[in-house]
Each structure stands twice: as structure tokens, then as C-alpha cells.
Amino acid sequence: MHGYSADKQAYLTRLRRIEGQIRGLQRMVEDDSYCIDVLTQVSAATRALQAVALGLLEDHIGHCVAEAINTGGPEAEAKVKEASAAIARLVRS
């Protein structure tokens, strides 16, 4: 079971909404919308994806990492490193 399993439907709903935002961006470019308006919508879509990523990260730490730490051993250290790498990727993006 994944950490996000309990909220799977909410994540799917949010991702579908973001998918709609991206399609809207495509239409804006096709319709030659004003650059700043397109950039504003790109920023909104980016923030929405970041919110999904942060939620998934929180679920991962709260479930997968916490479970591994309770179990202990090398798996715990691996899960902490994995979470740390995921955080680093999010910070760089």
C-alpha cells in the first residue's frame, strides 16, 4: 500500500484539474493570447503541480518513511535517503 492510497481519489481529481489547466494553456497559445496572461496561467499550473508533489511527499514521509523507521534496519536509512533526494529534486525544480 502506498502512502497516498487513502487520498488517491483526491489526487486524481486534482491532477485532472491540472490537466484541464494545461489544455487551457494550449488553447491560449493557439489563440495567440497575451504573453503575460499565458505566463500567469503557467505559474498557476506550476503551483498546482507543486501542491500535489508536496502532498505526495507528506504522505510518503508520514506512511512509508515512518513505517520503515519503526521497522528499523537498512531499509529505514534507505527510505530517509530516498525522501531526502525527493525533497532535493523538488527544491531544484
PDB file of N, CA and C in Angstrom:
ATOM      1  N   MET A   1       0.841  -1.182   0.000  1.00  0.00           N
ATOM      2  CA  MET A   1       0.000   0.000   0.000  1.00  0.00           C
ATOM      3  C   MET A   1       0.886   1.246   0.000  1.00  0.00           C
ATOM      4  N   HIS A   2       0.529   2.216  -0.844  1.00  0.00           N
ATOM      5  CA  HIS A   2       1.275   3.461  -0.927  1.00  0.00           C
ATOM      6  C   HIS A   2       0.733   4.466   0.084  1.00  0.00           C
ATOM      7  N   GLY A   3       1.579   5.411   0.470  1.00  0.00           N
ATOM      8  CA  GLY A   3       1.182   6.413   1.437  1.00  0.00           C
ATOM      9  C   GLY A   3       0.008   7.259   0.992  1.00  0.00           C
ATOM     10  N   TYR A   4      -0.162   7.426  -0.311  1.00  0.00           N
ATOM     11  CA  TYR A   4      -1.242   8.271  -0.818  1.00  0.00           C
ATOM     12  C   TYR A   4      -2.542   7.513  -1.068  1.00  0.00           C
ATOM     13  N   SER A   5      -2.569   6.221  -0.793  1.00  0.00           N
ATOM     14  CA  SER A   5      -3.734   5.392  -1.113  1.00  0.00           C
ATOM     15  C   SER A   5      -5.035   5.938  -0.542  1.00  0.00           C
ATOM     16  N   ALA A   6      -4.996   6.443   0.669  1.00  0.00           N
ATOM     17  CA  ALA A   6      -6.222   6.960   1.296  1.00  0.00           C
ATOM     18  C   ALA A   6      -6.751   8.193   0.573  1.00  0.00           C
ATOM     19  N   ASP A   7      -5.867   8.952  -0.058  1.00  0.00           N
ATOM     20  CA  ASP A   7      -6.245  10.183  -0.749  1.00  0.00           C
ATOM     21  C   ASP A   7      -6.156  10.060  -2.266  1.00  0.00           C
ATOM     22  N   LYS A   8      -6.112   8.831  -2.753  1.00  0.00           N
ATOM     23  CA  LYS A   8      -5.912   8.599  -4.182  1.00  0.00           C
ATOM     24  C   LYS A   8      -6.929   9.346  -5.038  1.00  0.00           C
ATOM     25  N   GLN A   9      -8.192   9.277  -4.682  1.00  0.00           N
ATOM     26  CA  GLN A   9      -9.228   9.933  -5.486  1.00  0.00           C
ATOM     27  C   GLN A   9      -9.049  11.445  -5.497  1.00  0.00           C
ATOM     28  N   ALA A  10      -8.675  12.016  -4.365  1.00  0.00           N
ATOM     29  CA  ALA A  10      -8.440  13.462  -4.307  1.00  0.00           C
ATOM     30  C   ALA A  10      -7.262  13.855  -5.193  1.00  0.00           C
ATOM     31  N   TYR A  11      -6.202  13.051  -5.186  1.00  0.00           N
ATOM     32  CA  TYR A  11      -5.054  13.333  -6.047  1.00  0.00           C
ATOM     33  C   TYR A  11      -5.449  13.239  -7.519  1.00  0.00           C
ATOM     34  N   LEU A  12      -6.220  12.228  -7.869  1.00  0.00           N
ATOM     35  CA  LEU A  12      -6.649  12.085  -9.259  1.00  0.00           C
ATOM     36  C   LEU A  12      -7.509  13.264  -9.696  1.00  0.00           C
ATOM     37  N   THR A  13      -8.380  13.722  -8.806  1.00  0.00           N
ATOM     38  CA  THR A  13      -9.220  14.879  -9.113  1.00  0.00           C
ATOM     39  C   THR A  13      -8.364  16.115  -9.353  1.00  0.00           C
ATOM     40  N   ARG A  14      -7.393  16.330  -8.478  1.00  0.00           N
ATOM     41  CA  ARG A  14      -6.507  17.491  -8.629  1.00  0.00           C
ATOM     42  C   ARG A  14      -5.704  17.409  -9.914  1.00  0.00           C
ATOM     43  N   LEU A  15      -5.202  16.210 -10.238  1.00  0.00           N
ATOM     44  CA  LEU A  15      -4.405  16.045 -11.455  1.00  0.00           C
ATOM     45  C   LEU A  15      -5.257  16.248 -12.704  1.00  0.00           C
ATOM     46  N   ARG A  16      -6.502  15.824 -12.669  1.00  0.00           N
ATOM     47  CA  ARG A  16      -7.392  16.070 -13.811  1.00  0.00           C
ATOM     48  C   ARG A  16      -7.663  17.567 -13.986  1.00  0.00           C
ATOM     49  N   ARG A  17      -7.790  18.264 -12.858  1.00  0.00           N
ATOM     50  CA  ARG A  17      -7.987  19.712 -12.924  1.00  0.00           C
ATOM     51  C   ARG A  17      -6.759  20.376 -13.541  1.00  0.00           C
ATOM     52  N   ILE A  18      -5.574  19.924 -13.146  1.00  0.00           N
ATOM     53  CA  ILE A  18      -4.332  20.463 -13.710  1.00  0.00           C
ATOM     54  C   ILE A  18      -4.248  20.144 -15.200  1.00  0.00           C
ATOM     55  N   GLU A  19      -4.667  18.939 -15.565  1.00  0.00           N
ATOM     56  CA  GLU A  19      -4.687  18.563 -16.981  1.00  0.00           C
ATOM     57  C   GLU A  19      -5.562  19.543 -17.769  1.00  0.00           C
ATOM     58  N   GLY A  20      -6.684  19.933 -17.186  1.00  0.00           N
ATOM     59  CA  GLY A  20      -7.549  20.926 -17.813  1.00  0.00           C
ATOM     60  C   GLY A  20      -6.858  22.275 -17.937  1.00  0.00           C
ATOM     61  N   GLN A  21      -6.106  22.647 -16.924  1.00  0.00           N
ATOM     62  CA  GLN A  21      -5.352  23.901 -16.991  1.00  0.00           C
ATOM     63  C   GLN A  21      -4.355  23.862 -18.140  1.00  0.00           C
ATOM     64  N   ILE A  22      -3.692  22.736 -18.321  1.00  0.00           N
ATOM     65  CA  ILE A  22      -2.701  22.610 -19.382  1.00  0.00           C
ATOM     66  C   ILE A  22      -3.381  22.701 -20.750  1.00  0.00           C
ATOM     67  N   ARG A  23      -4.528  22.051 -20.893  1.00  0.00           N
ATOM     68  CA  ARG A  23      -5.271  22.160 -22.156  1.00  0.00           C
ATOM     69  C   ARG A  23      -5.685  23.624 -22.404  1.00  0.00           C
ATOM     70  N   GLY A  24      -6.058  24.314 -21.329  1.00  0.00           N
ATOM     71  CA  GLY A  24      -6.389  25.733 -21.453  1.00  0.00           C
ATOM     72  C   GLY A  24      -5.194  26.550 -21.916  1.00  0.00           C
ATOM     73  N   LEU A  25      -4.013  26.205 -21.416  1.00  0.00           N
ATOM     74  CA  LEU A  25      -2.791  26.881 -21.864  1.00  0.00           C
ATOM     75  C   LEU A  25      -2.545  26.647 -23.346  1.00  0.00           C
ATOM     76  N   GLN A  26      -2.766  25.428 -23.790  1.00  0.00           N
ATOM     77  CA  GLN A  26      -2.600  25.134 -25.214  1.00  0.00           C
ATOM     78  C   GLN A  26      -3.538  25.992 -26.057  1.00  0.00           C
ATOM     79  N   ARG A  27      -4.783  26.103 -25.598  1.00  0.00           N
ATOM     80  CA  ARG A  27      -5.747  26.938 -26.328  1.00  0.00           C
ATOM     81  C   ARG A  27      -5.309  28.401 -26.324  1.00  0.00           C
ATOM     82  N   MET A  28      -4.799  28.862 -25.208  1.00  0.00           N
ATOM     83  CA  MET A  28      -4.353  30.253 -25.131  1.00  0.00           C
ATOM     84  C   MET A  28      -3.251  30.521 -26.151  1.00  0.00           C
ATOM     85  N   VAL A  29      -2.312  29.598 -26.267  1.00  0.00           N
ATOM     86  CA  VAL A  29      -1.223  29.775 -27.234  1.00  0.00           C
ATOM     87  C   VAL A  29      -1.775  29.689 -28.657  1.00  0.00           C
ATOM     88  N   GLU A  30      -2.658  28.712 -28.906  1.00  0.00           N
ATOM     89  CA  GLU A  30      -3.265  28.606 -30.238  1.00  0.00           C
ATOM     90  C   GLU A  30      -4.019  29.870 -30.616  1.00  0.00           C
ATOM     91  N   ASP A  31      -4.659  30.503 -29.625  1.00  0.00           N
ATOM     92  CA  ASP A  31      -5.446  31.707 -29.869  1.00  0.00           C
ATOM     93  C   ASP A  31      -4.617  32.988 -29.791  1.00  0.00           C
ATOM     94  N   ASP A  32      -3.296  32.845 -29.675  1.00  0.00           N
ATOM     95  CA  ASP A  32      -2.382  33.995 -29.590  1.00  0.00           C
ATOM     96  C   ASP A  32      -2.738  34.937 -28.442  1.00  0.00           C
ATOM     97  N   SER A  33      -3.006  34.370 -27.276  1.00  0.00           N
ATOM     98  CA  SER A  33      -3.304  35.181 -26.090  1.00  0.00           C
ATOM     99  C   SER A  33      -2.077  35.991 -25.687  1.00  0.00           C
ATOM    100  N   TYR A  34      -2.327  37.030 -24.924  1.00  0.00           N
ATOM    101  CA  TYR A  34      -1.269  37.916 -24.449  1.00  0.00           C
ATOM    102  C   TYR A  34      -0.257  37.134 -23.609  1.00  0.00           C
ATOM    103  N   CYS A  35       1.021  37.380 -23.859  1.00  0.00           N
ATOM    104  CA  CYS A  35       2.110  36.626 -23.216  1.00  0.00           C
ATOM    105  C   CYS A  35       1.969  36.578 -21.694  1.00  0.00           C
ATOM    106  N   ILE A  36       1.704  37.702 -21.081  1.00  0.00           N
ATOM    107  CA  ILE A  36       1.623  37.771 -19.625  1.00  0.00           C
ATOM    108  C   ILE A  36       0.460  36.925 -19.109  1.00  0.00           C
ATOM    109  N   ASP A  37      -0.629  36.891 -19.839  1.00  0.00           N
ATOM    110  CA  ASP A  37      -1.767  36.055 -19.443  1.00  0.00           C
ATOM    111  C   ASP A  37      -1.392  34.577 -19.489  1.00  0.00           C
ATOM    112  N   VAL A  38      -0.653  34.176 -20.532  1.00  0.00           N
ATOM    113  CA  VAL A  38      -0.197  32.791 -20.634  1.00  0.00           C
ATOM    114  C   VAL A  38       0.759  32.474 -19.491  1.00  0.00           C
ATOM    115  N   LEU A  39       1.693  33.368 -19.232  1.00  0.00           N
ATOM    116  CA  LEU A  39       2.656  33.149 -18.143  1.00  0.00           C
ATOM    117  C   LEU A  39       1.962  33.057 -16.794  1.00  0.00           C
ATOM    118  N   THR A  40       0.933  33.844 -16.594  1.00  0.00           N
ATOM    119  CA  THR A  40       0.175  33.781 -15.342  1.00  0.00           C
ATOM    120  C   THR A  40      -0.447  32.404 -15.172  1.00  0.00           C
ATOM    121  N   GLN A  41      -0.995  31.863 -16.242  1.00  0.00           N
ATOM    122  CA  GLN A  41      -1.607  30.538 -16.172  1.00  0.00           C
ATOM    123  C   GLN A  41      -0.562  29.431 -16.020  1.00  0.00           C
ATOM    124  N   VAL A  42       0.615  29.606 -16.633  1.00  0.00           N
ATOM    125  CA  VAL A  42       1.709  28.644 -16.444  1.00  0.00           C
ATOM    126  C   VAL A  42       2.105  28.621 -14.974  1.00  0.00           C
ATOM    127  N   SER A  43       2.186  29.793 -14.379  1.00  0.00           N
ATOM    128  CA  SER A  43       2.538  29.887 -12.964  1.00  0.00           C
ATOM    129  C   SER A  43       1.492  29.190 -12.095  1.00  0.00           C
ATOM    130  N   ALA A  44       0.228  29.371 -12.409  1.00  0.00           N
ATOM    131  CA  ALA A  44      -0.841  28.724 -11.635  1.00  0.00           C
ATOM    132  C   ALA A  44      -0.765  27.205 -11.767  1.00  0.00           C
ATOM    133  N   ALA A  45      -0.514  26.708 -12.969  1.00  0.00           N
ATOM    134  CA  ALA A  45      -0.397  25.260 -13.177  1.00  0.00           C
ATOM    135  C   ALA A  45       0.822  24.709 -12.444  1.00  0.00           C
ATOM    136  N   THR A  46       1.899  25.453 -12.461  1.00  0.00           N
ATOM    137  CA  THR A  46       3.114  25.033 -11.755  1.00  0.00           C
ATOM    138  C   THR A  46       2.857  24.938 -10.255  1.00  0.00           C
ATOM    139  N   ARG A  47       2.199  25.932  -9.697  1.00  0.00           N
ATOM    140  CA  ARG A  47       1.878  25.914  -8.265  1.00  0.00           C
ATOM    141  C   ARG A  47       0.968  24.744  -7.922  1.00  0.00           C
ATOM    142  N   ALA A  48       0.017  24.451  -8.808  1.00  0.00           N
ATOM    143  CA  ALA A  48      -0.886  23.331  -8.564  1.00  0.00           C
ATOM    144  C   ALA A  48      -0.126  22.007  -8.554  1.00  0.00           C
ATOM    145  N   LEU A  49       0.799  21.829  -9.488  1.00  0.00           N
ATOM    146  CA  LEU A  49       1.619  20.614  -9.504  1.00  0.00           C
ATOM    147  C   LEU A  49       2.514  20.531  -8.273  1.00  0.00           C
ATOM    148  N   GLN A  50       3.053  21.670  -7.863  1.00  0.00           N
ATOM    149  CA  GLN A  50       3.885  21.678  -6.654  1.00  0.00           C
ATOM    150  C   GLN A  50       3.064  21.289  -5.433  1.00  0.00           C
ATOM    151  N   ALA A  51       1.830  21.718  -5.363  1.00  0.00           N
ATOM    152  CA  ALA A  51       0.970  21.358  -4.237  1.00  0.00           C
ATOM    153  C   ALA A  51       0.718  19.850  -4.217  1.00  0.00           C
ATOM    154  N   VAL A  52       0.523  19.247  -5.387  1.00  0.00           N
ATOM    155  CA  VAL A  52       0.349  17.792  -5.461  1.00  0.00           C
ATOM    156  C   VAL A  52       1.637  17.110  -5.000  1.00  0.00           C
ATOM    157  N   ALA A  53       2.764  17.598  -5.476  1.00  0.00           N
ATOM    158  CA  ALA A  53       4.049  17.000  -5.101  1.00  0.00           C
ATOM    159  C   ALA A  53       4.279  17.082  -3.591  1.00  0.00           C
ATOM    160  N   LEU A  54       3.977  18.214  -3.004  1.00  0.00           N
ATOM    161  CA  LEU A  54       4.160  18.355  -1.556  1.00  0.00           C
ATOM    162  C   LEU A  54       3.230  17.429  -0.781  1.00  0.00           C
ATOM    163  N   GLY A  55       2.008  17.288  -1.255  1.00  0.00           N
ATOM    164  CA  GLY A  55       1.082  16.361  -0.612  1.00  0.00           C
ATOM    165  C   GLY A  55       1.571  14.928  -0.691  1.00  0.00           C
ATOM    166  N   LEU A  56       2.049  14.523  -1.862  1.00  0.00           N
ATOM    167  CA  LEU A  56       2.585  13.173  -2.023  1.00  0.00           C
ATOM    168  C   LEU A  56       3.809  12.955  -1.142  1.00  0.00           C
ATOM    169  N   LEU A  57       4.657  13.972  -1.058  1.00  0.00           N
ATOM    170  CA  LEU A  57       5.842  13.870  -0.211  1.00  0.00           C
ATOM    171  C   LEU A  57       5.449  13.723   1.256  1.00  0.00           C
ATOM    172  N   GLU A  58       4.476  14.514   1.683  1.00  0.00           N
ATOM    173  CA  GLU A  58       3.999  14.422   3.063  1.00  0.00           C
ATOM    174  C   GLU A  58       3.425  13.034   3.349  1.00  0.00           C
ATOM    175  N   ASP A  59       2.647  12.521   2.408  1.00  0.00           N
ATOM    176  CA  ASP A  59       2.093  11.172   2.575  1.00  0.00           C
ATOM    177  C   ASP A  59       3.198  10.125   2.629  1.00  0.00           C
ATOM    178  N   HIS A  60       4.203  10.286   1.781  1.00  0.00           N
ATOM    179  CA  HIS A  60       5.315   9.330   1.746  1.00  0.00           C
ATOM    180  C   HIS A  60       6.064   9.326   3.080  1.00  0.00           C
ATOM    181  N   ILE A  61       6.360  10.510   3.582  1.00  0.00           N
ATOM    182  CA  ILE A  61       7.089  10.596   4.854  1.00  0.00           C
ATOM    183  C   ILE A  61       6.223  10.065   5.996  1.00  0.00           C
ATOM    184  N   GLY A  62       4.955  10.449   5.998  1.00  0.00           N
ATOM    185  CA  GLY A  62       4.068  10.026   7.078  1.00  0.00           C
ATOM    186  C   GLY A  62       3.749   8.548   7.082  1.00  0.00           C
ATOM    187  N   HIS A  63       3.842   7.902   5.940  1.00  0.00           N
ATOM    188  CA  HIS A  63       3.494   6.490   5.860  1.00  0.00           C
ATOM    189  C   HIS A  63       4.727   5.625   5.621  1.00  0.00           C
ATOM    190  N   CYS A  64       5.301   5.744   4.455  1.00  0.00           N
ATOM    191  CA  CYS A  64       6.392   4.845   4.050  1.00  0.00           C
ATOM    192  C   CYS A  64       7.654   5.035   4.893  1.00  0.00           C
ATOM    193  N   VAL A  65       8.067   6.279   5.070  1.00  0.00           N
ATOM    194  CA  VAL A  65       9.286   6.538   5.835  1.00  0.00           C
ATOM    195  C   VAL A  65       9.065   6.217   7.306  1.00  0.00           C
ATOM    196  N   ALA A  66       7.921   6.653   7.849  1.00  0.00           N
ATOM    197  CA  ALA A  66       7.641   6.375   9.261  1.00  0.00           C
ATOM    198  C   ALA A  66       7.584   4.875   9.524  1.00  0.00           C
ATOM    199  N   GLU A  67       6.961   4.127   8.619  1.00  0.00           N
ATOM    200  CA  GLU A  67       6.885   2.676   8.776  1.00  0.00           C
ATOM    201  C   GLU A  67       8.271   2.038   8.729  1.00  0.00           C
ATOM    202  N   ALA A  68       9.114   2.500   7.818  1.00  0.00           N
ATOM    203  CA  ALA A  68      10.470   1.961   7.705  1.00  0.00           C
ATOM    204  C   ALA A  68      11.290   2.279   8.958  1.00  0.00           C
ATOM    205  N   ILE A  69      11.118   3.471   9.496  1.00  0.00           N
ATOM    206  CA  ILE A  69      11.856   3.854  10.710  1.00  0.00           C
ATOM    207  C   ILE A  69      11.406   2.990  11.879  1.00  0.00           C
ATOM    208  N   ASN A  70      10.116   2.733  11.982  1.00  0.00           N
ATOM    209  CA  ASN A  70       9.616   1.869  13.062  1.00  0.00           C
ATOM    210  C   ASN A  70      10.170   0.461  12.944  1.00  0.00           C
ATOM    211  N   THR A  71      10.333  -0.007  11.707  1.00  0.00           N
ATOM    212  CA  THR A  71      10.891  -1.334  11.471  1.00  0.00           C
ATOM    213  C   THR A  71      12.387  -1.342  11.740  1.00  0.00           C
ATOM    214  N   GLY A  72      13.044  -0.246  11.372  1.00  0.00           N
ATOM    215  CA  GLY A  72      14.485  -0.113  11.589  1.00  0.00           C
ATOM    216  C   GLY A  72      15.300  -0.815  10.531  1.00  0.00           C
ATOM    217  N   GLY A  73      16.595  -0.872  10.762  1.00  0.00           N
ATOM    218  CA  GLY A  73      17.499  -1.552   9.851  1.00  0.00           C
ATOM    219  C   GLY A  73      17.864  -0.710   8.650  1.00  0.00           C
ATOM    220  N   PRO A  74      18.491  -1.344   7.667  1.00  0.00           N
ATOM    221  CA  PRO A  74      18.969  -0.611   6.489  1.00  0.00           C
ATOM    222  C   PRO A  74      17.837  -0.022   5.647  1.00  0.00           C
ATOM    223  N   GLU A  75      16.655  -0.631   5.712  1.00  0.00           N
ATOM    224  CA  GLU A  75      15.532  -0.095   4.944  1.00  0.00           C
ATOM    225  C   GLU A  75      15.154   1.302   5.446  1.00  0.00           C
ATOM    226  N   ALA A  76      15.249   1.524   6.733  1.00  0.00           N
ATOM    227  CA  ALA A  76      14.929   2.841   7.296  1.00  0.00           C
ATOM    228  C   ALA A  76      15.871   3.898   6.744  1.00  0.00           C
ATOM    229  N   GLU A  77      17.141   3.591   6.745  1.00  0.00           N
ATOM    230  CA  GLU A  77      18.125   4.547   6.222  1.00  0.00           C
ATOM    231  C   GLU A  77      17.885   4.798   4.736  1.00  0.00           C
ATOM    232  N   ALA A  78      17.557   3.753   3.996  1.00  0.00           N
ATOM    233  CA  ALA A  78      17.299   3.897   2.558  1.00  0.00           C
ATOM    234  C   ALA A  78      16.079   4.781   2.307  1.00  0.00           C
ATOM    235  N   LYS A  79      15.025   4.602   3.103  1.00  0.00           N
ATOM    236  CA  LYS A  79      13.811   5.410   2.921  1.00  0.00           C
ATOM    237  C   LYS A  79      14.065   6.881   3.250  1.00  0.00           C
ATOM    238  N   VAL A  80      14.867   7.141   4.270  1.00  0.00           N
ATOM    239  CA  VAL A  80      15.193   8.530   4.615  1.00  0.00           C
ATOM    240  C   VAL A  80      15.998   9.166   3.488  1.00  0.00           C
ATOM    241  N   LYS A  81      16.975   8.434   2.939  1.00  0.00           N
ATOM    242  CA  LYS A  81      17.764   8.956   1.817  1.00  0.00           C
ATOM    243  C   LYS A  81      16.891   9.197   0.598  1.00  0.00           C
ATOM    244  N   GLU A  82      15.970   8.279   0.348  1.00  0.00           N
ATOM    245  CA  GLU A  82      15.049   8.410  -0.775  1.00  0.00           C
ATOM    246  C   GLU A  82      14.189   9.672  -0.622  1.00  0.00           C
ATOM    247  N   ALA A  83      13.669   9.895   0.565  1.00  0.00           N
ATOM    248  CA  ALA A  83      12.843  11.084   0.823  1.00  0.00           C
ATOM    249  C   ALA A  83      13.681  12.351   0.697  1.00  0.00           C
ATOM    250  N   SER A  84      14.897  12.300   1.186  1.00  0.00           N
ATOM    251  CA  SER A  84      15.788  13.448   1.095  1.00  0.00           C
ATOM    252  C   SER A  84      16.093  13.791  -0.364  1.00  0.00           C
ATOM    253  N   ALA A  85      16.307  12.777  -1.185  1.00  0.00           N
ATOM    254  CA  ALA A  85      16.555  13.002  -2.608  1.00  0.00           C
ATOM    255  C   ALA A  85      15.325  13.593  -3.287  1.00  0.00           C
ATOM    256  N   ALA A  86      14.141  13.127  -2.891  1.00  0.00           N
ATOM    257  CA  ALA A  86      12.905  13.670  -3.469  1.00  0.00           C
ATOM    258  C   ALA A  86      12.743  15.142  -3.094  1.00  0.00           C
ATOM    259  N   ILE A  87      13.057  15.480  -1.873  1.00  0.00           N
ATOM    260  CA  ILE A  87      12.986  16.880  -1.427  1.00  0.00           C
ATOM    261  C   ILE A  87      13.971  17.721  -2.234  1.00  0.00           C
ATOM    262  N   ALA A  88      15.172  17.211  -2.429  1.00  0.00           N
ATOM    263  CA  ALA A  88      16.174  17.944  -3.204  1.00  0.00           C
ATOM    264  C   ALA A  88      15.687  18.194  -4.636  1.00  0.00           C
ATOM    265  N   ARG A  89      15.043  17.188  -5.244  1.00  0.00           N
ATOM    266  CA  ARG A  89      14.509  17.372  -6.601  1.00  0.00           C
ATOM    267  C   ARG A  89      13.433  18.451  -6.623  1.00  0.00           C
ATOM    268  N   LEU A  90      12.587  18.465  -5.624  1.00  0.00           N
ATOM    269  CA  LEU A  90      11.526  19.480  -5.566  1.00  0.00           C
ATOM    270  C   LEU A  90      12.088  20.881  -5.373  1.00  0.00           C
ATOM    271  N   VAL A  91      13.123  20.982  -4.574  1.00  0.00           N
ATOM    272  CA  VAL A  91      13.724  22.289  -4.314  1.00  0.00           C
ATOM    273  C   VAL A  91      14.396  22.827  -5.569  1.00  0.00           C
ATOM    274  N   ARG A  92      15.014  21.934  -6.338  1.00  0.00           N
ATOM    275  CA  ARG A  92      15.697  22.361  -7.571  1.00  0.00           C
ATOM    276  C   ARG A  92      14.719  22.759  -8.667  1.00  0.00           C
ATOM    277  N   SER A  93      13.523  22.207  -8.636  1.00  0.00           N
ATOM    278  CA  SER A  93      12.587  22.486  -9.734  1.00  0.00           C
ATOM    279  C   SER A  93      11.867  23.794  -9.578  1.00  0.00           C
TER     280      SER A  93
END
